[in-house]
Amino acid sequence: DGGDVFLLDMGEPVRIADLARKMVELSGLAVRDDNNPDGDIELSVTGLRPGEKLYEELLIGDNPKTTEHPRIMKAREDFLLWPELLKRLNALNAALDRNDMIAARAILAELVSGYSSTGEVSDLAFTGIKTNTAA
């Protein structure tokens, strides 16, 4: 059909710290830490930045379809026909042109299944915060 969304069975979750450590070691280097103060690369945890999340959702929706391969599934996703999507994208673009972040968020909430606008708006034009810019 085209436009299908496939989901891969990725196996068990991997801790980012373990992945980073393994990548350093596979590069032929050593991690610098309390046990190895002469190591090549120090790993540091900086925490989440705005918009980041701890867990990634691999599937939105229920009951994925199976495929010929046991570790590949096909998602059942809702979609809009192009004329309707174009209409809504134009409305989103118009809201952004007006710097109307409230309307833009409302349109996104209609368009994107599972979208949540619980975070603060960090658009400087919307918040009215002035910044010093070099001329």
N, C-alpha and C. Protein backbone atom coordinates (compact mmCIF):
# COMPACT_ATOMS: atom_id res chain seq x y z
N ASP A 1 0.82 -1.21 0.00
CA ASP A 1 0.00 0.00 0.00
C ASP A 1 0.86 1.28 0.00
N GLY A 2 1.96 1.26 0.75
CA GLY A 2 2.77 2.47 0.93
C GLY A 2 2.30 3.22 2.17
N GLY A 3 3.21 3.89 2.84
CA GLY A 3 2.86 4.66 4.03
C GLY A 3 2.69 3.82 5.27
N ASP A 4 3.02 2.54 5.19
CA ASP A 4 2.88 1.67 6.36
C ASP A 4 3.93 2.00 7.41
N VAL A 5 3.57 1.77 8.67
CA VAL A 5 4.51 1.96 9.77
C VAL A 5 4.84 0.58 10.32
N PHE A 6 6.13 0.25 10.27
CA PHE A 6 6.56 -1.05 10.77
C PHE A 6 7.24 -0.88 12.12
N LEU A 7 7.03 -1.87 12.98
CA LEU A 7 7.60 -1.88 14.32
C LEU A 7 8.54 -3.05 14.43
N LEU A 8 9.73 -2.79 14.91
CA LEU A 8 10.72 -3.84 15.07
C LEU A 8 10.80 -4.27 16.52
N ASP A 9 10.83 -5.56 16.75
CA ASP A 9 11.05 -6.07 18.10
C ASP A 9 12.52 -5.85 18.41
N MET A 10 12.80 -4.91 19.28
CA MET A 10 14.18 -4.51 19.56
C MET A 10 14.80 -5.32 20.69
N GLY A 11 14.09 -6.27 21.23
CA GLY A 11 14.63 -7.07 22.33
C GLY A 11 14.52 -6.34 23.65
N GLU A 12 15.36 -6.71 24.57
CA GLU A 12 15.32 -6.12 25.91
C GLU A 12 15.87 -4.69 25.90
N PRO A 13 15.34 -3.81 26.77
CA PRO A 13 15.87 -2.45 26.86
C PRO A 13 17.34 -2.45 27.30
N VAL A 14 18.06 -1.42 26.86
CA VAL A 14 19.47 -1.27 27.19
C VAL A 14 19.65 0.05 27.93
N ARG A 15 20.38 0.03 29.04
CA ARG A 15 20.65 1.26 29.77
C ARG A 15 21.62 2.11 28.96
N ILE A 16 21.34 3.41 28.88
CA ILE A 16 22.18 4.33 28.12
C ILE A 16 23.61 4.34 28.66
N ALA A 17 23.76 4.29 29.97
CA ALA A 17 25.10 4.29 30.57
C ALA A 17 25.89 3.07 30.12
N ASP A 18 25.22 1.91 30.06
CA ASP A 18 25.89 0.69 29.61
C ASP A 18 26.26 0.79 28.14
N LEU A 19 25.37 1.37 27.34
CA LEU A 19 25.64 1.55 25.91
C LEU A 19 26.83 2.49 25.70
N ALA A 20 26.87 3.60 26.43
CA ALA A 20 27.98 4.55 26.31
C ALA A 20 29.30 3.89 26.70
N ARG A 21 29.29 3.15 27.79
CA ARG A 21 30.50 2.46 28.25
C ARG A 21 30.98 1.47 27.19
N LYS A 22 30.06 0.72 26.62
CA LYS A 22 30.41 -0.27 25.60
C LYS A 22 30.97 0.41 24.35
N MET A 23 30.40 1.56 23.96
CA MET A 23 30.89 2.27 22.77
C MET A 23 32.31 2.78 22.99
N VAL A 24 32.61 3.27 24.19
CA VAL A 24 33.96 3.72 24.51
C VAL A 24 34.93 2.54 24.40
N GLU A 25 34.54 1.42 24.97
CA GLU A 25 35.41 0.24 24.96
C GLU A 25 35.60 -0.30 23.55
N LEU A 26 34.54 -0.31 22.73
CA LEU A 26 34.64 -0.79 21.35
C LEU A 26 35.51 0.13 20.49
N SER A 27 35.68 1.37 20.92
CA SER A 27 36.55 2.31 20.22
C SER A 27 38.01 2.13 20.62
N GLY A 28 38.27 1.18 21.49
CA GLY A 28 39.64 0.93 21.93
C GLY A 28 40.10 1.85 23.04
N LEU A 29 39.16 2.55 23.67
CA LEU A 29 39.49 3.48 24.75
C LEU A 29 38.95 2.94 26.07
N ALA A 30 39.27 3.65 27.14
CA ALA A 30 38.82 3.24 28.47
C ALA A 30 38.01 4.37 29.09
N VAL A 31 37.01 4.00 29.86
CA VAL A 31 36.20 4.97 30.59
C VAL A 31 36.98 5.45 31.81
N ARG A 32 36.99 6.77 32.02
CA ARG A 32 37.63 7.35 33.20
C ARG A 32 36.57 7.44 34.29
N ASP A 33 36.83 6.79 35.42
CA ASP A 33 35.92 6.85 36.57
C ASP A 33 36.74 6.61 37.84
N ASP A 34 36.05 6.43 38.96
CA ASP A 34 36.75 6.24 40.24
C ASP A 34 37.65 5.00 40.21
N ASN A 35 37.21 3.95 39.49
CA ASN A 35 37.99 2.72 39.41
C ASN A 35 39.15 2.84 38.43
N ASN A 36 39.06 3.79 37.48
CA ASN A 36 40.10 3.96 36.47
C ASN A 36 40.33 5.45 36.22
N PRO A 37 41.06 6.14 37.12
CA PRO A 37 41.26 7.58 36.99
C PRO A 37 42.12 7.97 35.79
N ASP A 38 42.81 7.01 35.17
CA ASP A 38 43.64 7.31 34.00
C ASP A 38 42.93 6.98 32.69
N GLY A 39 41.63 6.73 32.75
CA GLY A 39 40.88 6.39 31.54
C GLY A 39 40.85 7.54 30.54
N ASP A 40 40.40 7.24 29.33
CA ASP A 40 40.41 8.22 28.23
C ASP A 40 39.20 9.14 28.23
N ILE A 41 38.03 8.61 28.52
CA ILE A 41 36.79 9.37 28.39
C ILE A 41 35.97 9.25 29.67
N GLU A 42 35.56 10.39 30.20
CA GLU A 42 34.70 10.40 31.39
C GLU A 42 33.25 10.49 30.93
N LEU A 43 32.40 9.68 31.51
CA LEU A 43 30.96 9.74 31.23
C LEU A 43 30.30 10.55 32.34
N SER A 44 29.40 11.45 31.96
CA SER A 44 28.70 12.22 32.98
C SER A 44 27.21 12.25 32.64
N VAL A 45 26.41 12.27 33.69
CA VAL A 45 24.96 12.31 33.56
C VAL A 45 24.52 13.75 33.73
N THR A 46 23.85 14.28 32.73
CA THR A 46 23.45 15.69 32.78
C THR A 46 21.99 15.86 33.12
N GLY A 47 21.21 14.80 33.08
CA GLY A 47 19.78 14.90 33.36
C GLY A 47 18.99 15.21 32.09
N LEU A 48 17.68 15.25 32.24
CA LEU A 48 16.81 15.50 31.11
C LEU A 48 16.77 16.98 30.75
N ARG A 49 16.75 17.27 29.47
CA ARG A 49 16.55 18.63 28.99
C ARG A 49 15.07 18.80 28.66
N PRO A 50 14.59 20.03 28.51
CA PRO A 50 13.18 20.22 28.16
C PRO A 50 12.81 19.45 26.90
N GLY A 51 11.73 18.73 26.97
CA GLY A 51 11.25 17.97 25.82
C GLY A 51 11.75 16.54 25.76
N GLU A 52 12.76 16.20 26.56
CA GLU A 52 13.26 14.83 26.56
C GLU A 52 12.43 13.98 27.52
N LYS A 53 12.41 12.69 27.27
CA LYS A 53 11.68 11.80 28.15
C LYS A 53 12.52 10.57 28.47
N LEU A 54 12.19 9.93 29.57
CA LEU A 54 12.96 8.78 30.01
C LEU A 54 12.69 7.54 29.18
N TYR A 55 11.46 7.36 28.72
CA TYR A 55 11.08 6.16 28.01
C TYR A 55 10.48 6.54 26.67
N GLU A 56 10.85 5.80 25.63
CA GLU A 56 10.34 6.05 24.30
C GLU A 56 9.19 5.08 24.03
N GLU A 57 8.09 5.62 23.55
CA GLU A 57 6.97 4.77 23.18
C GLU A 57 7.21 4.28 21.76
N LEU A 58 7.25 2.97 21.59
CA LEU A 58 7.52 2.42 20.27
C LEU A 58 6.25 2.25 19.44
N LEU A 59 5.11 2.22 20.09
CA LEU A 59 3.87 2.00 19.35
C LEU A 59 2.78 2.84 19.96
N ILE A 60 2.14 3.63 19.12
CA ILE A 60 0.94 4.34 19.54
C ILE A 60 -0.21 3.60 18.89
N GLY A 61 -1.13 3.15 19.69
CA GLY A 61 -2.23 2.36 19.16
C GLY A 61 -2.12 0.94 19.67
N ASP A 62 -3.13 0.16 19.38
CA ASP A 62 -3.18 -1.20 19.89
C ASP A 62 -3.23 -2.19 18.73
N ASN A 63 -2.98 -3.44 19.08
CA ASN A 63 -3.14 -4.56 18.17
C ASN A 63 -2.37 -4.44 16.86
N PRO A 64 -1.05 -4.40 16.94
CA PRO A 64 -0.29 -4.38 15.69
C PRO A 64 -0.52 -5.67 14.91
N LYS A 65 -0.41 -5.59 13.59
CA LYS A 65 -0.57 -6.76 12.73
C LYS A 65 0.76 -7.48 12.63
N THR A 66 0.69 -8.77 12.50
CA THR A 66 1.91 -9.55 12.29
C THR A 66 2.29 -9.49 10.82
N THR A 67 3.56 -9.78 10.55
CA THR A 67 4.04 -9.87 9.17
C THR A 67 4.68 -11.23 8.99
N GLU A 68 5.30 -11.45 7.84
CA GLU A 68 5.96 -12.73 7.57
C GLU A 68 7.12 -12.98 8.54
N HIS A 69 7.74 -11.89 9.03
CA HIS A 69 8.87 -12.03 9.95
C HIS A 69 8.36 -11.92 11.39
N PRO A 70 8.74 -12.84 12.28
CA PRO A 70 8.19 -12.83 13.65
C PRO A 70 8.58 -11.61 14.49
N ARG A 71 9.66 -10.89 14.11
CA ARG A 71 10.08 -9.74 14.92
C ARG A 71 9.76 -8.41 14.24
N ILE A 72 8.94 -8.46 13.18
CA ILE A 72 8.51 -7.25 12.50
C ILE A 72 6.99 -7.22 12.51
N MET A 73 6.43 -6.13 13.03
CA MET A 73 4.98 -5.97 13.07
C MET A 73 4.61 -4.71 12.29
N LYS A 74 3.35 -4.62 11.93
CA LYS A 74 2.86 -3.45 11.21
C LYS A 74 1.83 -2.75 12.10
N ALA A 75 2.02 -1.44 12.29
CA ALA A 75 1.12 -0.67 13.14
C ALA A 75 -0.18 -0.39 12.42
N ARG A 76 -1.22 -0.26 13.19
CA ARG A 76 -2.52 0.19 12.67
C ARG A 76 -2.67 1.65 13.07
N GLU A 77 -2.33 2.53 12.15
CA GLU A 77 -2.30 3.96 12.45
C GLU A 77 -3.47 4.68 11.79
N ASP A 78 -4.04 5.63 12.52
CA ASP A 78 -5.04 6.51 11.93
C ASP A 78 -4.33 7.51 11.03
N PHE A 79 -5.01 7.94 9.99
CA PHE A 79 -4.42 8.95 9.12
C PHE A 79 -5.52 9.79 8.50
N LEU A 80 -5.14 10.95 8.04
CA LEU A 80 -6.05 11.84 7.34
C LEU A 80 -5.74 11.81 5.86
N LEU A 81 -6.77 11.89 5.05
CA LEU A 81 -6.55 12.01 3.62
C LEU A 81 -5.88 13.35 3.34
N TRP A 82 -5.10 13.43 2.26
CA TRP A 82 -4.30 14.60 1.98
C TRP A 82 -5.09 15.91 1.98
N PRO A 83 -6.27 16.01 1.35
CA PRO A 83 -6.97 17.30 1.37
C PRO A 83 -7.27 17.81 2.79
N GLU A 84 -7.67 16.90 3.68
CA GLU A 84 -7.96 17.29 5.06
C GLU A 84 -6.68 17.63 5.81
N LEU A 85 -5.63 16.84 5.61
CA LEU A 85 -4.35 17.13 6.27
C LEU A 85 -3.81 18.47 5.80
N LEU A 86 -3.89 18.75 4.50
CA LEU A 86 -3.40 20.02 3.97
C LEU A 86 -4.14 21.19 4.60
N LYS A 87 -5.45 21.05 4.76
CA LYS A 87 -6.26 22.10 5.38
C LYS A 87 -5.77 22.38 6.81
N ARG A 88 -5.53 21.33 7.56
CA ARG A 88 -5.09 21.49 8.95
C ARG A 88 -3.65 22.00 9.04
N LEU A 89 -2.80 21.56 8.13
CA LEU A 89 -1.43 22.07 8.12
C LEU A 89 -1.41 23.55 7.77
N ASN A 90 -2.29 23.98 6.86
CA ASN A 90 -2.38 25.40 6.54
C ASN A 90 -2.86 26.20 7.75
N ALA A 91 -3.80 25.63 8.51
CA ALA A 91 -4.27 26.30 9.73
C ALA A 91 -3.15 26.39 10.75
N LEU A 92 -2.34 25.34 10.86
CA LEU A 92 -1.19 25.36 11.78
C LEU A 92 -0.19 26.41 11.34
N ASN A 93 0.10 26.45 10.05
CA ASN A 93 1.04 27.44 9.52
C ASN A 93 0.54 28.86 9.78
N ALA A 94 -0.77 29.09 9.60
CA ALA A 94 -1.33 30.42 9.85
C ALA A 94 -1.21 30.79 11.33
N ALA A 95 -1.45 29.83 12.22
CA ALA A 95 -1.31 30.09 13.66
C ALA A 95 0.14 30.44 14.00
N LEU A 96 1.08 29.73 13.40
CA LEU A 96 2.49 30.02 13.65
C LEU A 96 2.88 31.38 13.09
N ASP A 97 2.34 31.74 11.92
CA ASP A 97 2.62 33.06 11.35
C ASP A 97 2.15 34.18 12.27
N ARG A 98 1.05 33.92 13.00
CA ARG A 98 0.50 34.92 13.93
C ARG A 98 1.16 34.84 15.31
N ASN A 99 2.08 33.89 15.48
CA ASN A 99 2.68 33.62 16.79
C ASN A 99 1.62 33.23 17.82
N ASP A 100 0.58 32.56 17.36
CA ASP A 100 -0.51 32.11 18.23
C ASP A 100 -0.20 30.68 18.68
N MET A 101 0.61 30.56 19.72
CA MET A 101 1.05 29.24 20.18
C MET A 101 -0.10 28.44 20.81
N ILE A 102 -1.09 29.13 21.35
CA ILE A 102 -2.25 28.43 21.93
C ILE A 102 -3.00 27.70 20.82
N ALA A 103 -3.27 28.40 19.71
CA ALA A 103 -3.97 27.77 18.57
C ALA A 103 -3.10 26.68 17.96
N ALA A 104 -1.78 26.93 17.84
CA ALA A 104 -0.89 25.93 17.25
C ALA A 104 -0.92 24.64 18.08
N ARG A 105 -0.89 24.78 19.39
CA ARG A 105 -0.94 23.60 20.26
C ARG A 105 -2.28 22.86 20.11
N ALA A 106 -3.35 23.61 19.99
CA ALA A 106 -4.67 22.99 19.83
C ALA A 106 -4.72 22.20 18.53
N ILE A 107 -4.17 22.75 17.46
CA ILE A 107 -4.16 22.04 16.18
C ILE A 107 -3.29 20.80 16.28
N LEU A 108 -2.13 20.92 16.92
CA LEU A 108 -1.27 19.75 17.10
C LEU A 108 -1.99 18.67 17.91
N ALA A 109 -2.74 19.06 18.91
CA ALA A 109 -3.48 18.09 19.72
C ALA A 109 -4.50 17.34 18.88
N GLU A 110 -5.09 18.01 17.89
CA GLU A 110 -6.04 17.35 16.99
C GLU A 110 -5.32 16.44 16.00
N LEU A 111 -4.16 16.86 15.54
CA LEU A 111 -3.44 16.14 14.49
C LEU A 111 -2.64 14.95 14.98
N VAL A 112 -2.06 15.06 16.17
CA VAL A 112 -1.12 14.04 16.63
C VAL A 112 -1.73 13.25 17.77
N SER A 113 -1.97 11.97 17.51
CA SER A 113 -2.54 11.09 18.52
C SER A 113 -1.58 11.00 19.71
N GLY A 114 -2.06 11.25 20.90
CA GLY A 114 -1.23 11.17 22.10
C GLY A 114 -0.44 12.42 22.41
N TYR A 115 -0.59 13.48 21.58
CA TYR A 115 0.13 14.73 21.86
C TYR A 115 -0.39 15.35 23.14
N SER A 116 0.54 15.81 23.98
CA SER A 116 0.16 16.48 25.21
C SER A 116 0.94 17.77 25.30
N SER A 117 0.25 18.87 25.54
CA SER A 117 0.92 20.17 25.62
C SER A 117 1.02 20.64 27.06
N THR A 118 1.51 19.74 27.91
CA THR A 118 1.57 20.08 29.33
C THR A 118 2.78 20.93 29.69
N GLY A 119 3.79 20.96 28.82
CA GLY A 119 4.99 21.73 29.11
C GLY A 119 4.77 23.21 28.85
N GLU A 120 5.68 24.02 29.38
CA GLU A 120 5.61 25.45 29.16
C GLU A 120 5.99 25.79 27.74
N VAL A 121 5.43 26.86 27.22
CA VAL A 121 5.83 27.36 25.91
C VAL A 121 7.18 28.03 26.09
N SER A 122 8.16 27.63 25.28
CA SER A 122 9.49 28.22 25.42
C SER A 122 9.85 29.07 24.22
N ASP A 123 8.85 29.47 23.45
CA ASP A 123 9.06 30.33 22.29
C ASP A 123 9.22 31.77 22.78
N LEU A 124 10.37 32.38 22.49
CA LEU A 124 10.64 33.72 23.00
C LEU A 124 9.67 34.75 22.44
N ALA A 125 9.22 34.58 21.20
CA ALA A 125 8.26 35.52 20.63
C ALA A 125 6.93 35.43 21.39
N PHE A 126 6.54 34.21 21.78
CA PHE A 126 5.28 34.01 22.49
C PHE A 126 5.37 34.56 23.92
N THR A 127 6.47 34.30 24.60
CA THR A 127 6.59 34.69 26.00
C THR A 127 6.91 36.17 26.16
N GLY A 128 7.42 36.78 25.09
CA GLY A 128 7.73 38.22 25.15
C GLY A 128 9.04 38.52 25.84
N ILE A 129 9.86 37.49 26.06
CA ILE A 129 11.15 37.71 26.72
C ILE A 129 12.09 38.37 25.71
N LYS A 130 12.75 39.43 26.13
CA LYS A 130 13.71 40.08 25.26
C LYS A 130 15.10 39.50 25.52
N THR A 131 15.85 39.32 24.43
CA THR A 131 17.20 38.80 24.58
C THR A 131 18.17 39.81 24.02
N ASN A 132 19.40 39.77 24.51
CA ASN A 132 20.45 40.63 23.98
C ASN A 132 21.02 39.95 22.75
N THR A 133 21.00 40.63 21.62
CA THR A 133 21.57 40.07 20.40
C THR A 133 22.65 40.99 19.91
N ALA A 134 23.72 40.38 19.46
CA ALA A 134 24.84 41.17 18.91
C ALA A 134 24.45 41.69 17.54
N ALA A 135 24.76 42.95 17.26
CA ALA A 135 24.42 43.52 15.97
C ALA A 135 25.48 43.21 14.94
